[in-house]
């Protein structure tokens, strides 16, 4: 049986330096979260990092992809996650086209995201090196992300494994090294062959966080709703289901609806009584025999 890890109120939150120093010392666990209740749960469970991903567009808002997620929407969800967090490092995705136009746009939008939501770092998809340098230079920590980058899935031909050919793998190796040089404190490797992820992890001095990239990365990340059975529209091969909460929630609601229709809920135990003297006064008022007022 697993141990449910908790953190005391006086324990310090995890920092960027803690994440960097974990390289070659211990594995890092990261999950997504999009609201305060989920944030509190994953924080109490002892994860190191929480990503507020633009995947919220699909998972929380029912859209077909992440491209329509706005900066305002990210700020809204990030603020909710930060509200429920104590220990884990909170990182926010920069939405599509909030950083691609150039360093100035990236800096303005990242500054607003950090300032208005309280996250402590941002994540950029792809090797946008001038943007990374601008953010890091301004004091905004940046997590890199290479391999399958969902914001560019149309350009990549869909949600497909990247770096399967040697020349493509070399490009990803070079991108990882360049992102480290630009100042990224960590790099997500998504949907790339395990041997390539192992090579990237050995080459860079910052932690790599894998998602569909094998066991040799310095850490792993999964979407919370995927791993607990709350999102069933699409289940990637690399997802492991640790629970089926969606089925449990559906059955709970079915039971509730059945009890309401059958008159077995609520019971007196789920309601509130009334002082007998006050109840008598109310009844007399309702039948017209009382003269005083409530």
C-alpha atoms as a PDB file:
ATOM      1  CA  UNK A   1       0.000   0.000   0.000  1.00  0.00           C
ATOM      2  CA  UNK A   2       1.386   3.404  -0.982  1.00  0.00           C
ATOM      3  CA  UNK A   3       2.172   6.061   1.610  1.00  0.00           C
ATOM      4  CA  UNK A   4       0.143   9.247   1.370  1.00  0.00           C
ATOM      5  CA  UNK A   5       2.755  11.958   1.777  1.00  0.00           C
ATOM      6  CA  UNK A   6       1.844  15.275   3.357  1.00  0.00           C
ATOM      7  CA  UNK A   7       3.740  18.496   3.919  1.00  0.00           C
ATOM      8  CA  UNK A   8       3.722  20.488   7.116  1.00  0.00           C
ATOM      9  CA  UNK A   9       2.608  24.105   7.063  1.00  0.00           C
ATOM     10  CA  UNK A  10       6.120  25.321   7.843  1.00  0.00           C
ATOM     11  CA  UNK A  11       7.806  23.387   5.019  1.00  0.00           C
ATOM     12  CA  UNK A  12       9.197  25.646   2.333  1.00  0.00           C
ATOM     13  CA  UNK A  13       7.790  25.550  -1.214  1.00  0.00           C
ATOM     14  CA  UNK A  14       9.934  23.872  -3.849  1.00  0.00           C
ATOM     15  CA  UNK A  15      12.101  26.293  -5.841  1.00  0.00           C
ATOM     16  CA  UNK A  16      13.651  26.394  -9.295  1.00  0.00           C
ATOM     17  CA  UNK A  17      17.006  25.671  -7.661  1.00  0.00           C
ATOM     18  CA  UNK A  18      15.566  22.576  -5.968  1.00  0.00           C
ATOM     19  CA  UNK A  19      14.412  21.290  -9.349  1.00  0.00           C
ATOM     20  CA  UNK A  20      17.781  21.900 -10.987  1.00  0.00           C
ATOM     21  CA  UNK A  21      19.640  20.287  -8.098  1.00  0.00           C
ATOM     22  CA  UNK A  22      17.538  17.127  -8.399  1.00  0.00           C
ATOM     23  CA  UNK A  23      19.426  16.183 -11.576  1.00  0.00           C
ATOM     24  CA  UNK A  24      21.123  12.791 -11.108  1.00  0.00           C
ATOM     25  CA  UNK A  25      19.941  12.698  -7.480  1.00  0.00           C
ATOM     26  CA  UNK A  26      16.241  11.876  -7.524  1.00  0.00           C
ATOM     27  CA  UNK A  27      13.356  11.581  -9.945  1.00  0.00           C
ATOM     28  CA  UNK A  28      10.868  14.439 -10.239  1.00  0.00           C
ATOM     29  CA  UNK A  29       7.100  13.928 -10.379  1.00  0.00           C
ATOM     30  CA  UNK A  30       4.971  16.500 -12.194  1.00  0.00           C
ATOM     31  CA  UNK A  31       1.231  16.475 -12.942  1.00  0.00           C
ATOM     32  CA  UNK A  32      -1.234  18.932 -14.399  1.00  0.00           C
ATOM     33  CA  UNK A  33      -3.924  20.684 -12.400  1.00  0.00           C
ATOM     34  CA  UNK A  34      -6.491  23.259 -13.473  1.00  0.00           C
ATOM     35  CA  UNK A  35      -8.439  24.237 -10.342  1.00  0.00           C
ATOM     36  CA  UNK A  36      -8.093  24.717  -6.589  1.00  0.00           C
ATOM     37  CA  UNK A  37      -9.500  21.336  -5.389  1.00  0.00           C
ATOM     38  CA  UNK A  38      -7.215  19.417  -7.761  1.00  0.00           C
ATOM     39  CA  UNK A  39      -4.250  21.573  -6.754  1.00  0.00           C
ATOM     40  CA  UNK A  40      -4.796  20.816  -3.084  1.00  0.00           C
ATOM     41  CA  UNK A  41      -5.014  17.083  -3.758  1.00  0.00           C
ATOM     42  CA  UNK A  42      -1.860  16.807  -5.860  1.00  0.00           C
ATOM     43  CA  UNK A  43       0.074  19.090  -3.511  1.00  0.00           C
ATOM     44  CA  UNK A  44      -0.842  16.963  -0.480  1.00  0.00           C
ATOM     45  CA  UNK A  45       0.116  13.874  -2.481  1.00  0.00           C
ATOM     46  CA  UNK A  46       3.667  15.178  -2.654  1.00  0.00           C
ATOM     47  CA  UNK A  47       4.349  15.974  -6.322  1.00  0.00           C
ATOM     48  CA  UNK A  48       7.297  18.234  -7.053  1.00  0.00           C
ATOM     49  CA  UNK A  49       5.799  20.350  -9.822  1.00  0.00           C
ATOM     50  CA  UNK A  50       2.337  21.199 -11.066  1.00  0.00           C
ATOM     51  CA  UNK A  51       1.814  22.291 -14.649  1.00  0.00           C
ATOM     52  CA  UNK A  52      -1.196  24.396 -15.521  1.00  0.00           C
ATOM     53  CA  UNK A  53      -1.224  23.233 -19.116  1.00  0.00           C
ATOM     54  CA  UNK A  54      -3.048  24.758 -22.040  1.00  0.00           C
ATOM     55  CA  UNK A  55      -4.442  21.223 -22.306  1.00  0.00           C
ATOM     56  CA  UNK A  56      -7.178  22.736 -20.141  1.00  0.00           C
ATOM     57  CA  UNK A  57      -8.741  23.778 -23.436  1.00  0.00           C
ATOM     58  CA  UNK A  58      -9.462  20.125 -24.188  1.00  0.00           C
ATOM     59  CA  UNK A  59      -9.729  18.656 -20.686  1.00  0.00           C
ATOM     60  CA  UNK A  60     -11.714  21.392 -18.954  1.00  0.00           C
ATOM     61  CA  UNK A  61     -13.341  23.375 -21.763  1.00  0.00           C
ATOM     62  CA  UNK A  62     -14.223  20.576 -24.202  1.00  0.00           C
ATOM     63  CA  UNK A  63     -12.353  21.920 -27.216  1.00  0.00           C
ATOM     64  CA  UNK A  64     -10.683  19.837 -29.902  1.00  0.00           C
ATOM     65  CA  UNK A  65      -7.194  21.271 -29.391  1.00  0.00           C
ATOM     66  CA  UNK A  66      -5.201  23.778 -27.339  1.00  0.00           C
ATOM     67  CA  UNK A  67      -4.883  26.536 -29.920  1.00  0.00           C
ATOM     68  CA  UNK A  68      -7.865  28.626 -28.858  1.00  0.00           C
ATOM     69  CA  UNK A  69      -6.842  28.916 -25.202  1.00  0.00           C
ATOM     70  CA  UNK A  70      -6.335  32.587 -24.342  1.00  0.00           C
ATOM     71  CA  UNK A  71      -4.000  34.297 -21.946  1.00  0.00           C
ATOM     72  CA  UNK A  72      -6.986  35.412 -19.860  1.00  0.00           C
ATOM     73  CA  UNK A  73      -8.152  31.800 -19.560  1.00  0.00           C
ATOM     74  CA  UNK A  74      -4.685  30.683 -18.499  1.00  0.00           C
ATOM     75  CA  UNK A  75      -4.499  33.413 -15.882  1.00  0.00           C
ATOM     76  CA  UNK A  76      -7.914  32.406 -14.528  1.00  0.00           C
ATOM     77  CA  UNK A  77      -6.960  28.738 -14.104  1.00  0.00           C
ATOM     78  CA  UNK A  78      -3.432  29.466 -12.882  1.00  0.00           C
ATOM     79  CA  UNK A  79      -4.749  31.748 -10.164  1.00  0.00           C
ATOM     80  CA  UNK A  80      -7.061  28.962  -8.983  1.00  0.00           C
ATOM     81  CA  UNK A  81      -4.213  26.432  -8.878  1.00  0.00           C
ATOM     82  CA  UNK A  82      -1.849  28.767  -7.032  1.00  0.00           C
ATOM     83  CA  UNK A  83      -4.601  29.371  -4.477  1.00  0.00           C
ATOM     84  CA  UNK A  84      -4.577  25.674  -3.566  1.00  0.00           C
ATOM     85  CA  UNK A  85      -0.822  25.134  -3.629  1.00  0.00           C
ATOM     86  CA  UNK A  86       1.698  25.101  -0.806  1.00  0.00           C
ATOM     87  CA  UNK A  87       4.694  22.927  -1.625  1.00  0.00           C
ATOM     88  CA  UNK A  88       4.872  22.149  -5.354  1.00  0.00           C
ATOM     89  CA  UNK A  89       6.374  24.488  -7.943  1.00  0.00           C
ATOM     90  CA  UNK A  90       3.618  25.833 -10.215  1.00  0.00           C
ATOM     91  CA  UNK A  91       4.464  26.272 -13.904  1.00  0.00           C
ATOM     92  CA  UNK A  92       2.148  27.730 -16.552  1.00  0.00           C
ATOM     93  CA  UNK A  93       1.971  27.064 -20.263  1.00  0.00           C
ATOM     94  CA  UNK A  94       2.300  30.112 -22.457  1.00  0.00           C
ATOM     95  CA  UNK A  95      -0.693  29.910 -24.829  1.00  0.00           C
ATOM     96  CA  UNK A  96      -0.400  29.716 -28.608  1.00  0.00           C
ATOM     97  CA  UNK A  97       0.775  32.974 -30.230  1.00  0.00           C
ATOM     98  CA  UNK A  98       1.542  34.728 -26.931  1.00  0.00           C
ATOM     99  CA  UNK A  99       5.291  34.254 -27.433  1.00  0.00           C
ATOM    100  CA  UNK A 100       5.887  33.233 -31.061  1.00  0.00           C
ATOM    101  CA  UNK A 101       5.779  36.809 -32.470  1.00  0.00           C
ATOM    102  CA  UNK A 102       9.014  37.723 -30.681  1.00  0.00           C
ATOM    103  CA  UNK A 103      10.811  38.459 -27.412  1.00  0.00           C
ATOM    104  CA  UNK A 104       8.830  41.634 -26.671  1.00  0.00           C
ATOM    105  CA  UNK A 105       5.469  39.875 -26.956  1.00  0.00           C
ATOM    106  CA  UNK A 106       6.774  36.923 -24.963  1.00  0.00           C
ATOM    107  CA  UNK A 107       8.050  39.173 -22.189  1.00  0.00           C
ATOM    108  CA  UNK A 108       4.867  41.249 -21.965  1.00  0.00           C
ATOM    109  CA  UNK A 109       2.574  38.209 -21.891  1.00  0.00           C
ATOM    110  CA  UNK A 110       4.740  36.151 -19.536  1.00  0.00           C
ATOM    111  CA  UNK A 111       5.031  39.094 -17.154  1.00  0.00           C
ATOM    112  CA  UNK A 112       1.266  39.446 -17.080  1.00  0.00           C
ATOM    113  CA  UNK A 113       0.794  35.686 -16.543  1.00  0.00           C
ATOM    114  CA  UNK A 114       3.240  35.609 -13.635  1.00  0.00           C
ATOM    115  CA  UNK A 115       2.091  38.877 -12.083  1.00  0.00           C
ATOM    116  CA  UNK A 116      -1.657  38.242 -12.256  1.00  0.00           C
ATOM    117  CA  UNK A 117      -1.726  34.528 -11.408  1.00  0.00           C
ATOM    118  CA  UNK A 118       1.188  33.981  -9.060  1.00  0.00           C
ATOM    119  CA  UNK A 119       2.845  31.111 -10.945  1.00  0.00           C
ATOM    120  CA  UNK A 120       6.593  30.873 -10.488  1.00  0.00           C
ATOM    121  CA  UNK A 121       7.638  29.762 -13.982  1.00  0.00           C
ATOM    122  CA  UNK A 122       6.354  29.436 -17.542  1.00  0.00           C
ATOM    123  CA  UNK A 123       6.721  26.795 -20.244  1.00  0.00           C
ATOM    124  CA  UNK A 124       7.292  27.486 -23.940  1.00  0.00           C
ATOM    125  CA  UNK A 125       6.835  24.890 -26.682  1.00  0.00           C
ATOM    126  CA  UNK A 126       9.649  24.717 -29.213  1.00  0.00           C
ATOM    127  CA  UNK A 127      13.152  26.158 -29.445  1.00  0.00           C
ATOM    128  CA  UNK A 128      12.267  29.868 -29.416  1.00  0.00           C
ATOM    129  CA  UNK A 129      15.667  30.858 -28.114  1.00  0.00           C
ATOM    130  CA  UNK A 130      15.441  34.692 -28.242  1.00  0.00           C
ATOM    131  CA  UNK A 131      12.168  34.507 -26.307  1.00  0.00           C
ATOM    132  CA  UNK A 132      13.672  32.192 -23.692  1.00  0.00           C
ATOM    133  CA  UNK A 133      16.667  34.487 -23.242  1.00  0.00           C
ATOM    134  CA  UNK A 134      14.415  37.528 -22.862  1.00  0.00           C
ATOM    135  CA  UNK A 135      12.289  35.889 -20.175  1.00  0.00           C
ATOM    136  CA  UNK A 136      15.203  34.441 -18.243  1.00  0.00           C
ATOM    137  CA  UNK A 137      17.008  37.761 -18.473  1.00  0.00           C
ATOM    138  CA  UNK A 138      13.979  39.462 -16.951  1.00  0.00           C
ATOM    139  CA  UNK A 139      13.880  36.990 -14.071  1.00  0.00           C
ATOM    140  CA  UNK A 140      11.087  34.724 -15.317  1.00  0.00           C
ATOM    141  CA  UNK A 141      12.135  31.047 -15.094  1.00  0.00           C
ATOM    142  CA  UNK A 142      11.438  29.043 -18.257  1.00  0.00           C
ATOM    143  CA  UNK A 143      10.792  25.345 -18.779  1.00  0.00           C
ATOM    144  CA  UNK A 144      11.488  24.184 -22.333  1.00  0.00           C
ATOM    145  CA  UNK A 145       9.399  21.693 -24.307  1.00  0.00           C
ATOM    146  CA  UNK A 146      10.523  19.772 -27.399  1.00  0.00           C
ATOM    147  CA  UNK A 147       9.467  16.690 -29.326  1.00  0.00           C
ATOM    148  CA  UNK A 148       5.741  16.577 -29.857  1.00  0.00           C
ATOM    149  CA  UNK A 149       4.590  20.142 -29.268  1.00  0.00           C
ATOM    150  CA  UNK A 150       0.772  20.138 -29.333  1.00  0.00           C
ATOM    151  CA  UNK A 151       0.506  23.793 -30.349  1.00  0.00           C
ATOM    152  CA  UNK A 152       2.189  22.812 -33.619  1.00  0.00           C
ATOM    153  CA  UNK A 153       0.470  19.454 -34.093  1.00  0.00           C
ATOM    154  CA  UNK A 154      -0.948  20.492 -37.481  1.00  0.00           C
ATOM    155  CA  UNK A 155       2.540  21.283 -38.729  1.00  0.00           C
ATOM    156  CA  UNK A 156       3.830  18.007 -37.310  1.00  0.00           C
ATOM    157  CA  UNK A 157       1.110  15.966 -39.010  1.00  0.00           C
ATOM    158  CA  UNK A 158      -0.888  15.322 -35.848  1.00  0.00           C
ATOM    159  CA  UNK A 159      -0.077  13.928 -32.429  1.00  0.00           C
ATOM    160  CA  UNK A 160       2.779  11.708 -33.583  1.00  0.00           C
ATOM    161  CA  UNK A 161       6.056  10.485 -32.134  1.00  0.00           C
ATOM    162  CA  UNK A 162       8.925  12.814 -33.061  1.00  0.00           C
ATOM    163  CA  UNK A 163      12.615  12.107 -33.624  1.00  0.00           C
ATOM    164  CA  UNK A 164      12.263   8.569 -34.945  1.00  0.00           C
ATOM    165  CA  UNK A 165      14.811   9.131 -37.725  1.00  0.00           C
ATOM    166  CA  UNK A 166      18.449   9.873 -36.943  1.00  0.00           C
ATOM    167  CA  UNK A 167      18.475  13.298 -38.600  1.00  0.00           C
ATOM    168  CA  UNK A 168      15.313  14.383 -36.754  1.00  0.00           C
ATOM    169  CA  UNK A 169      16.745  13.011 -33.513  1.00  0.00           C
ATOM    170  CA  UNK A 170      19.889  15.092 -34.003  1.00  0.00           C
ATOM    171  CA  UNK A 171      17.766  18.231 -34.405  1.00  0.00           C
ATOM    172  CA  UNK A 172      16.071  17.523 -31.061  1.00  0.00           C
ATOM    173  CA  UNK A 173      19.430  16.913 -29.388  1.00  0.00           C
ATOM    174  CA  UNK A 174      20.651  20.264 -30.656  1.00  0.00           C
ATOM    175  CA  UNK A 175      17.438  22.002 -29.579  1.00  0.00           C
ATOM    176  CA  UNK A 176      17.760  20.622 -26.061  1.00  0.00           C
ATOM    177  CA  UNK A 177      21.353  21.836 -25.787  1.00  0.00           C
ATOM    178  CA  UNK A 178      20.353  25.258 -27.143  1.00  0.00           C
ATOM    179  CA  UNK A 179      17.474  25.579 -24.667  1.00  0.00           C
ATOM    180  CA  UNK A 180      19.808  24.754 -21.812  1.00  0.00           C
ATOM    181  CA  UNK A 181      22.279  27.367 -23.039  1.00  0.00           C
ATOM    182  CA  UNK A 182      19.457  29.917 -23.326  1.00  0.00           C
ATOM    183  CA  UNK A 183      18.677  29.435 -19.647  1.00  0.00           C
ATOM    184  CA  UNK A 184      15.867  26.862 -19.313  1.00  0.00           C
ATOM    185  CA  UNK A 185      15.840  25.267 -15.857  1.00  0.00           C
ATOM    186  CA  UNK A 186      14.213  22.075 -17.166  1.00  0.00           C
ATOM    187  CA  UNK A 187      13.028  20.611 -20.474  1.00  0.00           C
ATOM    188  CA  UNK A 188       9.923  18.541 -21.234  1.00  0.00           C
ATOM    189  CA  UNK A 189      10.495  15.740 -23.739  1.00  0.00           C
ATOM    190  CA  UNK A 190       7.184  14.655 -25.243  1.00  0.00           C
ATOM    191  CA  UNK A 191       6.538  11.594 -27.406  1.00  0.00           C
ATOM    192  CA  UNK A 192      10.083  10.835 -28.520  1.00  0.00           C
ATOM    193  CA  UNK A 193      11.826   7.437 -28.629  1.00  0.00           C
ATOM    194  CA  UNK A 194      13.217   6.299 -25.285  1.00  0.00           C
ATOM    195  CA  UNK A 195      16.816   5.951 -26.558  1.00  0.00           C
ATOM    196  CA  UNK A 196      16.718   9.551 -27.793  1.00  0.00           C
ATOM    197  CA  UNK A 197      15.307  10.797 -24.494  1.00  0.00           C
ATOM    198  CA  UNK A 198      18.102   8.953 -22.701  1.00  0.00           C
ATOM    199  CA  UNK A 199      20.689  10.645 -24.917  1.00  0.00           C
ATOM    200  CA  UNK A 200      19.163  14.095 -24.351  1.00  0.00           C
ATOM    201  CA  UNK A 201      19.035  13.509 -20.595  1.00  0.00           C
ATOM    202  CA  UNK A 202      22.719  12.548 -20.550  1.00  0.00           C
ATOM    203  CA  UNK A 203      23.709  15.532 -22.686  1.00  0.00           C
ATOM    204  CA  UNK A 204      22.045  18.380 -20.776  1.00  0.00           C
ATOM    205  CA  UNK A 205      22.785  19.400 -17.215  1.00  0.00           C
ATOM    206  CA  UNK A 206      19.190  20.437 -16.435  1.00  0.00           C
ATOM    207  CA  UNK A 207      16.440  17.932 -15.594  1.00  0.00           C
ATOM    208  CA  UNK A 208      14.408  16.413 -18.403  1.00  0.00           C
ATOM    209  CA  UNK A 209      10.735  15.679 -17.778  1.00  0.00           C
ATOM    210  CA  UNK A 210       9.354  12.913 -19.934  1.00  0.00           C
ATOM    211  CA  UNK A 211       5.867  12.287 -21.225  1.00  0.00           C
ATOM    212  CA  UNK A 212       5.894   9.320 -23.544  1.00  0.00           C
ATOM    213  CA  UNK A 213       9.697   9.469 -23.581  1.00  0.00           C
ATOM    214  CA  UNK A 214      10.751   6.432 -21.567  1.00  0.00           C
ATOM    215  CA  UNK A 215      12.075   5.849 -18.067  1.00  0.00           C
ATOM    216  CA  UNK A 216      15.518   7.442 -18.391  1.00  0.00           C
ATOM    217  CA  UNK A 217      14.306  11.031 -18.084  1.00  0.00           C
ATOM    218  CA  UNK A 218      14.943  12.874 -14.842  1.00  0.00           C
ATOM    219  CA  UNK A 219      11.215  13.060 -14.157  1.00  0.00           C
ATOM    220  CA  UNK A 220       7.774  12.383 -15.583  1.00  0.00           C
ATOM    221  CA  UNK A 221       4.584  14.366 -16.194  1.00  0.00           C
ATOM    222  CA  UNK A 222       1.032  13.199 -16.822  1.00  0.00           C
ATOM    223  CA  UNK A 223      -2.296  14.962 -17.190  1.00  0.00           C
ATOM    224  CA  UNK A 224      -4.170  14.396 -13.934  1.00  0.00           C
ATOM    225  CA  UNK A 225      -7.513  13.774 -15.639  1.00  0.00           C
ATOM    226  CA  UNK A 226      -5.913  11.116 -17.869  1.00  0.00           C
ATOM    227  CA  UNK A 227      -4.315   9.219 -14.998  1.00  0.00           C
ATOM    228  CA  UNK A 228      -7.441   9.124 -12.814  1.00  0.00           C
ATOM    229  CA  UNK A 229     -10.017   8.407 -15.509  1.00  0.00           C
ATOM    230  CA  UNK A 230     -11.738  11.780 -15.747  1.00  0.00           C
ATOM    231  CA  UNK A 231     -10.956  12.390 -19.429  1.00  0.00           C
ATOM    232  CA  UNK A 232     -11.823   9.733 -21.989  1.00  0.00           C
ATOM    233  CA  UNK A 233     -11.940  11.612 -25.284  1.00  0.00           C
ATOM    234  CA  UNK A 234      -8.400  10.560 -26.136  1.00  0.00           C
ATOM    235  CA  UNK A 235      -6.025   8.346 -24.172  1.00  0.00           C
ATOM    236  CA  UNK A 236      -2.386   8.403 -25.325  1.00  0.00           C
ATOM    237  CA  UNK A 237      -0.412   5.190 -25.226  1.00  0.00           C
ATOM    238  CA  UNK A 238       1.943   6.580 -22.595  1.00  0.00           C
ATOM    239  CA  UNK A 239      -0.818   7.218 -20.043  1.00  0.00           C
ATOM    240  CA  UNK A 240      -1.194   4.850 -17.100  1.00  0.00           C
ATOM    241  CA  UNK A 241      -4.573   4.815 -15.376  1.00  0.00           C
ATOM    242  CA  UNK A 242      -4.156   4.834 -11.611  1.00  0.00           C
ATOM    243  CA  UNK A 243      -7.877   5.142 -10.894  1.00  0.00           C
ATOM    244  CA  UNK A 244     -11.268   5.263 -12.639  1.00  0.00           C
ATOM    245  CA  UNK A 245     -12.774   8.235 -10.867  1.00  0.00           C
ATOM    246  CA  UNK A 246     -15.023   9.106 -13.781  1.00  0.00           C
ATOM    247  CA  UNK A 247     -16.924   5.838 -13.407  1.00  0.00           C
ATOM    248  CA  UNK A 248     -17.152   6.294  -9.639  1.00  0.00           C
ATOM    249  CA  UNK A 249     -18.494   9.835 -10.014  1.00  0.00           C
ATOM    250  CA  UNK A 250     -21.062   8.762 -12.596  1.00  0.00           C
ATOM    251  CA  UNK A 251     -22.338   5.988 -10.331  1.00  0.00           C
ATOM    252  CA  UNK A 252     -22.513   8.391  -7.395  1.00  0.00           C
ATOM    253  CA  UNK A 253     -24.689  10.776  -9.401  1.00  0.00           C
ATOM    254  CA  UNK A 254     -26.885   7.888 -10.586  1.00  0.00           C
ATOM    255  CA  UNK A 255     -27.395   6.794  -6.972  1.00  0.00           C
ATOM    256  CA  UNK A 256     -28.251  10.358  -5.962  1.00  0.00           C
ATOM    257  CA  UNK A 257     -30.762  10.799  -8.781  1.00  0.00           C
ATOM    258  CA  UNK A 258     -32.406   7.462  -7.960  1.00  0.00           C
ATOM    259  CA  UNK A 259     -32.765   8.386  -4.280  1.00  0.00           C
ATOM    260  CA  UNK A 260     -34.234  11.793  -5.110  1.00  0.00           C
ATOM    261  CA  UNK A 261     -36.805  10.258  -7.441  1.00  0.00           C
ATOM    262  CA  UNK A 262     -37.563   7.506  -4.953  1.00  0.00           C
ATOM    263  CA  UNK A 263     -38.004   9.906  -2.061  1.00  0.00           C
ATOM    264  CA  UNK A 264     -35.233   8.397   0.063  1.00  0.00           C
ATOM    265  CA  UNK A 265     -33.058  11.511  -0.072  1.00  0.00           C
ATOM    266  CA  UNK A 266     -32.929  13.759   1.823  1.00  0.00           C
ATOM    267  CA  UNK A 267     -33.629  12.188   5.201  1.00  0.00           C
ATOM    268  CA  UNK A 268     -34.170  14.172   8.414  1.00  0.00           C
ATOM    269  CA  UNK A 269     -30.475  13.700   9.125  1.00  0.00           C
ATOM    270  CA  UNK A 270     -29.671  15.836   6.070  1.00  0.00           C
ATOM    271  CA  UNK A 271     -31.876  18.761   7.127  1.00  0.00           C
ATOM    272  CA  UNK A 272     -32.508  21.176   9.979  1.00  0.00           C
ATOM    273  CA  UNK A 273     -35.151  21.096  12.696  1.00  0.00           C
ATOM    274  CA  UNK A 274     -37.064  23.907  14.360  1.00  0.00           C
ATOM    275  CA  UNK A 275     -37.755  24.782  17.977  1.00  0.00           C
ATOM    276  CA  UNK A 276     -41.156  23.330  18.922  1.00  0.00           C
ATOM    277  CA  UNK A 277     -42.465  26.633  20.307  1.00  0.00           C
ATOM    278  CA  UNK A 278     -41.415  28.495  17.158  1.00  0.00           C
ATOM    279  CA  UNK A 279     -42.896  25.745  14.998  1.00  0.00           C
ATOM    280  CA  UNK A 280     -46.228  26.090  16.836  1.00  0.00           C
ATOM    281  CA  UNK A 281     -46.171  29.857  16.241  1.00  0.00           C
ATOM    282  CA  UNK A 282     -45.443  29.302  12.553  1.00  0.00           C
ATOM    283  CA  UNK A 283     -48.313  26.818  12.220  1.00  0.00           C
ATOM    284  CA  UNK A 284     -50.736  29.195  13.921  1.00  0.00           C
ATOM    285  CA  UNK A 285     -49.690  31.971  11.574  1.00  0.00           C
ATOM    286  CA  UNK A 286     -50.101  29.757   8.545  1.00  0.00           C
ATOM    287  CA  UNK A 287     -53.646  28.632   9.536  1.00  0.00           C
ATOM    288  CA  UNK A 288     -54.666  32.209  10.377  1.00  0.00           C
ATOM    289  CA  UNK A 289     -55.216  31.686  14.111  1.00  0.00           C
ATOM    290  CA  UNK A 290     -52.122  33.559  15.227  1.00  0.00           C
ATOM    291  CA  UNK A 291     -51.997  37.291  15.865  1.00  0.00           C
ATOM    292  CA  UNK A 292     -48.282  37.939  16.330  1.00  0.00           C
ATOM    293  CA  UNK A 293     -45.838  38.268  13.501  1.00  0.00           C
ATOM    294  CA  UNK A 294     -42.610  36.526  12.728  1.00  0.00           C
END
